[in-house]
Amino acid sequence: MNILMVLTSHDTLGTTGKKTGFWLEELAAPYYTFVDAGAEVTLASPKGGQPPLDPKSNEKDAQTETTRRFEADSSAMQALANTRKLSEISIADFDAVFYPGGHGPLWDLAEDQTSISLIEQTLQANKPVALVCHAPGVLRHVKSTDDQPIVKGKSVTGFSNTEEAAVGLTEIVPFLVEDMLRENGGHYSKAEDWQVHVQQDGLLITGQNPASSAATAEALLKLLQ
C-alpha cells in the first residue's frame, strides 16, 4: 500500500508579512495512521525539498502526541526535508493521495496545474483522494471527465467560514474553502467549529479541520482495505 502525501510550498500569508505553510497535525496524524497500518508513505510538494511549516501549528497549544512523535522521528523528519517534486510524481506508483492543509495550499496547490492534473488522474484511475481542513481548497479547479467541477453534487466538507473568522483570516485568504465548495456545486456540511467531521462521497474524502486529520486518514485506509 503506497500513499502519496502532497504538501504546500507556499510560505507567505497574503500581504501580511506573516509566515504560513502546512499544518503540522494535519501531516503528522495521517502520516502515523498510514505508517502504523503498514503503508509506504511518500511526501511531495510543488518545489520539492523542505516545505514550509506554519509556525502557529508548532506552538505549544497546537502540539499533539503525534506532532511530538513526528518531530522526534528522524526518518519522518528526513522525508519532510526531502519531499519529492510534484512534477516528477506518477500516480501509477501510488494507491491513494492525501493532502494535509494549512493556509499555504490556498495560494499554490489550488492553482497548480500539476496538482490539479494529479487529482484528476488519481480519480480517473479509480484511486481515492483525501483532503483535510484547507486542503479541500485545492479542488477549486479540478474537473470531472465531463468537465464539471469535481465536487459538483458531492458531499464535501472543509475549513468552515466560522473557523476562518475565528482565526481572523477571512479577509486575508485568496478564497474561503466553504464558499468555494458551495459555489462549485458541492453539498457542503460541517460540525461545530473545531469538532471532528469527515465526508466521503465515492473516492473523494474530505475533513473539516485539524481535529479531523486522523479520522480523514482512517476513512482513506478503510476505502483502500
Protein backbone atom coordinates (compact mmCIF):
# COMPACT_ATOMS: atom_id res chain seq x y z
CA MET A 1 0.00 0.00 0.00
CA ASN A 2 1.68 3.18 -1.25
CA ILE A 3 0.25 6.54 -0.23
CA LEU A 4 1.33 9.93 -1.55
CA MET A 5 1.04 12.94 0.75
CA VAL A 6 1.15 16.32 -1.01
CA LEU A 7 2.29 19.40 0.93
CA THR A 8 2.33 23.10 0.07
CA SER A 9 5.49 25.02 -0.89
CA HIS A 10 3.89 28.42 -0.14
CA ASP A 11 5.13 30.24 2.96
CA THR A 12 3.60 33.74 2.97
CA LEU A 13 0.22 34.74 4.41
CA GLY A 14 -1.01 37.09 1.70
CA THR A 15 0.45 40.59 2.12
CA THR A 16 0.60 40.40 5.93
CA GLY A 17 4.33 39.64 6.03
CA LYS A 18 3.49 36.68 8.29
CA LYS A 19 4.52 33.10 7.59
CA THR A 20 2.26 30.19 6.70
CA GLY A 21 2.68 26.73 5.18
CA PHE A 22 1.36 23.28 6.07
CA TRP A 23 -0.28 22.50 9.42
CA LEU A 24 1.81 20.03 11.40
CA GLU A 25 -1.01 17.99 12.97
CA GLU A 26 -2.58 17.52 9.54
CA LEU A 27 0.64 15.90 8.34
CA ALA A 28 1.61 14.01 11.49
CA ALA A 29 -1.71 12.40 12.43
CA PRO A 30 -2.40 10.95 8.95
CA TYR A 31 1.28 10.02 8.48
CA TYR A 32 1.21 7.73 11.50
CA THR A 33 -2.27 6.44 10.71
CA PHE A 34 -0.78 5.21 7.42
CA VAL A 35 2.67 4.10 8.67
CA ASP A 36 1.22 2.22 11.64
CA ALA A 37 -1.07 0.36 9.23
CA GLY A 38 1.98 -0.78 7.25
CA ALA A 39 1.70 1.68 4.37
CA GLU A 40 4.65 3.17 2.50
CA VAL A 41 4.32 6.97 2.60
CA THR A 42 5.94 9.35 0.12
CA LEU A 43 5.95 13.12 0.68
CA ALA A 44 5.85 15.55 -2.25
CA SER A 45 5.45 19.30 -2.79
CA PRO A 46 5.44 21.66 -5.80
CA LYS A 47 9.05 22.80 -5.26
CA GLY A 48 10.38 19.65 -3.60
CA GLY A 49 12.74 19.73 -0.63
CA GLN A 50 11.71 21.17 2.74
CA PRO A 51 8.14 22.53 2.69
CA PRO A 52 7.32 25.48 4.95
CA LEU A 53 5.72 24.73 8.30
CA ASP A 54 3.07 27.13 9.56
CA PRO A 55 4.77 28.35 12.76
CA LYS A 56 1.43 28.57 14.57
CA SER A 57 0.94 24.83 14.10
CA ASN A 58 4.01 24.15 16.23
CA GLU A 59 3.09 26.44 19.12
CA LYS A 60 2.50 24.66 22.40
CA ASP A 61 -1.31 24.76 22.28
CA ALA A 62 -1.31 23.22 18.78
CA GLN A 63 1.05 20.36 19.59
CA THR A 64 -0.31 16.83 19.99
CA GLU A 65 1.10 13.42 20.79
CA THR A 66 1.54 12.76 17.06
CA THR A 67 3.23 16.10 16.30
CA ARG A 68 5.75 15.42 19.07
CA ARG A 69 6.24 11.88 17.76
CA PHE A 70 6.85 13.23 14.26
CA GLU A 71 9.43 15.76 15.39
CA ALA A 72 11.30 13.07 17.35
CA ASP A 73 11.24 10.68 14.38
CA SER A 74 14.46 11.11 12.39
CA SER A 75 13.20 9.16 9.34
CA ALA A 76 10.00 11.24 9.20
CA MET A 77 11.94 14.49 9.53
CA GLN A 78 14.33 13.38 6.81
CA ALA A 79 11.43 12.56 4.49
CA LEU A 80 9.97 16.01 5.21
CA ALA A 81 13.28 17.74 4.47
CA ASN A 82 13.50 15.93 1.12
CA THR A 83 9.99 15.94 -0.33
CA ARG A 84 9.84 14.86 -3.95
CA LYS A 85 8.99 17.40 -6.63
CA LEU A 86 5.33 17.05 -7.56
CA SER A 87 6.10 17.27 -11.29
CA GLU A 88 8.23 14.11 -11.01
CA ILE A 89 5.44 12.03 -9.43
CA SER A 90 3.45 9.39 -11.33
CA ILE A 91 0.13 8.34 -9.84
CA ALA A 92 0.75 4.86 -11.28
CA ASP A 93 3.17 4.34 -8.36
CA PHE A 94 0.55 5.04 -5.68
CA ASP A 95 -2.73 3.62 -4.37
CA ALA A 96 -4.08 6.87 -2.92
CA VAL A 97 -3.32 10.56 -2.36
CA PHE A 98 -3.70 12.61 0.84
CA TYR A 99 -3.48 16.40 1.08
CA PRO A 100 -2.79 17.97 4.51
CA GLY A 101 -3.96 21.54 4.92
CA GLY A 102 -2.61 24.70 6.43
CA HIS A 103 -3.28 28.00 4.66
CA GLY A 104 -0.42 27.54 2.16
CA PRO A 105 -2.32 25.27 -0.29
CA LEU A 106 -4.87 28.04 -0.98
CA TRP A 107 -2.14 30.01 -2.75
CA ASP A 108 -0.10 27.36 -4.55
CA LEU A 109 -1.75 23.94 -4.80
CA ALA A 110 -5.21 25.35 -5.59
CA GLU A 111 -3.75 26.94 -8.74
CA ASP A 112 -1.03 24.37 -9.51
CA GLN A 113 -1.71 22.63 -12.82
CA THR A 114 0.42 19.63 -11.83
CA SER A 115 -1.61 19.13 -8.66
CA ILE A 116 -4.92 19.63 -10.48
CA SER A 117 -3.90 17.06 -13.09
CA LEU A 118 -2.67 14.63 -10.43
CA ILE A 119 -6.03 14.65 -8.63
CA GLU A 120 -7.92 14.22 -11.90
CA GLN A 121 -5.68 11.31 -12.93
CA THR A 122 -5.98 9.68 -9.50
CA LEU A 123 -9.77 9.70 -9.54
CA GLN A 124 -9.88 8.57 -13.18
CA ALA A 125 -7.64 5.63 -12.19
CA ASN A 126 -10.28 4.67 -9.60
CA LYS A 127 -7.98 5.60 -6.71
CA PRO A 128 -9.08 7.68 -3.70
CA VAL A 129 -8.12 11.25 -2.82
CA ALA A 130 -8.43 12.60 0.74
CA LEU A 131 -8.00 16.22 1.82
CA VAL A 132 -8.30 17.87 5.21
CA CYS A 133 -9.01 21.38 6.56
CA HIS A 134 -7.85 23.96 3.96
CA ALA A 135 -6.70 21.27 1.55
CA PRO A 136 -10.18 20.74 0.02
CA GLY A 137 -9.47 24.20 -1.42
CA VAL A 138 -7.06 22.54 -3.87
CA LEU A 139 -10.13 21.04 -5.58
CA ARG A 140 -11.07 24.55 -6.79
CA HIS A 141 -10.18 23.95 -10.46
CA VAL A 142 -10.30 20.13 -10.54
CA LYS A 143 -12.76 18.83 -13.11
CA SER A 144 -14.54 15.52 -13.68
CA THR A 145 -14.38 13.73 -17.04
CA ASP A 146 -17.46 15.69 -18.19
CA ASP A 147 -15.67 18.99 -17.45
CA GLN A 148 -17.78 19.79 -14.38
CA PRO A 149 -16.26 20.80 -11.01
CA ILE A 150 -15.16 17.60 -9.27
CA VAL A 151 -17.16 18.49 -6.13
CA LYS A 152 -20.42 19.17 -8.00
CA GLY A 153 -23.20 17.09 -6.47
CA LYS A 154 -20.84 15.52 -3.94
CA SER A 155 -20.98 15.54 -0.14
CA VAL A 156 -17.94 17.53 1.00
CA THR A 157 -16.53 19.46 3.93
CA GLY A 158 -13.52 21.65 4.67
CA PHE A 159 -12.45 24.56 6.89
CA SER A 160 -15.64 26.47 7.61
CA ASN A 161 -16.28 30.19 7.25
CA THR A 162 -16.83 30.46 11.01
CA GLU A 163 -13.50 28.74 11.71
CA GLU A 164 -11.73 31.11 9.29
CA ALA A 165 -13.38 34.05 11.04
CA ALA A 166 -12.25 32.66 14.40
CA VAL A 167 -8.60 32.70 13.29
CA GLY A 168 -9.03 36.20 11.86
CA LEU A 169 -8.04 35.44 8.27
CA THR A 170 -11.32 35.85 6.37
CA GLU A 171 -10.03 38.97 4.59
CA ILE A 172 -6.51 37.58 4.04
CA VAL A 173 -7.08 34.24 2.28
CA PRO A 174 -7.49 34.26 -1.52
CA PHE A 175 -10.85 32.47 -1.13
CA LEU A 176 -12.92 30.79 1.57
CA VAL A 177 -12.94 26.99 1.36
CA GLU A 178 -16.61 26.64 2.38
CA ASP A 179 -17.76 29.27 -0.13
CA MET A 180 -15.74 27.72 -2.97
CA LEU A 181 -17.09 24.22 -2.32
CA ARG A 182 -20.66 25.55 -2.31
CA GLU A 183 -20.11 27.71 -5.42
CA ASN A 184 -18.72 24.69 -7.28
CA GLY A 185 -21.89 22.73 -6.54
CA GLY A 186 -20.68 20.70 -3.58
CA HIS A 187 -23.11 19.59 -0.87
CA TYR A 188 -21.15 21.20 1.96
CA SER A 189 -21.72 20.21 5.58
CA LYS A 190 -19.91 20.96 8.82
CA ALA A 191 -19.85 20.15 12.50
CA GLU A 192 -19.46 22.73 15.26
CA ASP A 193 -16.18 24.64 14.98
CA TRP A 194 -13.10 22.52 15.77
CA GLN A 195 -15.10 19.27 16.06
CA VAL A 196 -14.33 16.13 14.04
CA HIS A 197 -16.25 15.94 10.76
CA VAL A 198 -15.47 13.82 7.70
CA GLN A 199 -17.40 13.38 4.47
CA GLN A 200 -16.89 10.58 1.98
CA ASP A 201 -18.52 10.52 -1.45
CA GLY A 202 -17.20 7.77 -3.67
CA LEU A 203 -13.44 8.15 -3.98
CA LEU A 204 -13.41 11.67 -2.53
CA ILE A 205 -12.84 12.09 1.22
CA THR A 206 -12.77 15.48 2.95
CA GLY A 207 -12.19 16.52 6.58
CA GLN A 208 -13.24 19.80 8.16
CA ASN A 209 -10.35 20.93 10.36
CA PRO A 210 -7.14 19.85 12.15
CA ALA A 211 -9.14 17.73 14.62
CA SER A 212 -10.46 15.73 11.64
CA SER A 213 -6.98 14.76 10.38
CA ALA A 214 -6.75 11.24 11.80
CA ALA A 215 -10.39 10.43 11.02
CA THR A 216 -9.91 11.55 7.39
CA ALA A 217 -6.86 9.29 7.10
CA GLU A 218 -8.75 6.39 8.70
CA ALA A 219 -11.56 6.82 6.15
CA LEU A 220 -8.98 6.64 3.36
CA LEU A 221 -7.42 3.47 4.82
CA LYS A 222 -10.86 1.85 5.14
CA LEU A 223 -11.54 2.57 1.49
CA LEU A 224 -8.19 1.05 0.47
CA GLN A 225 -8.75 -2.07 2.55
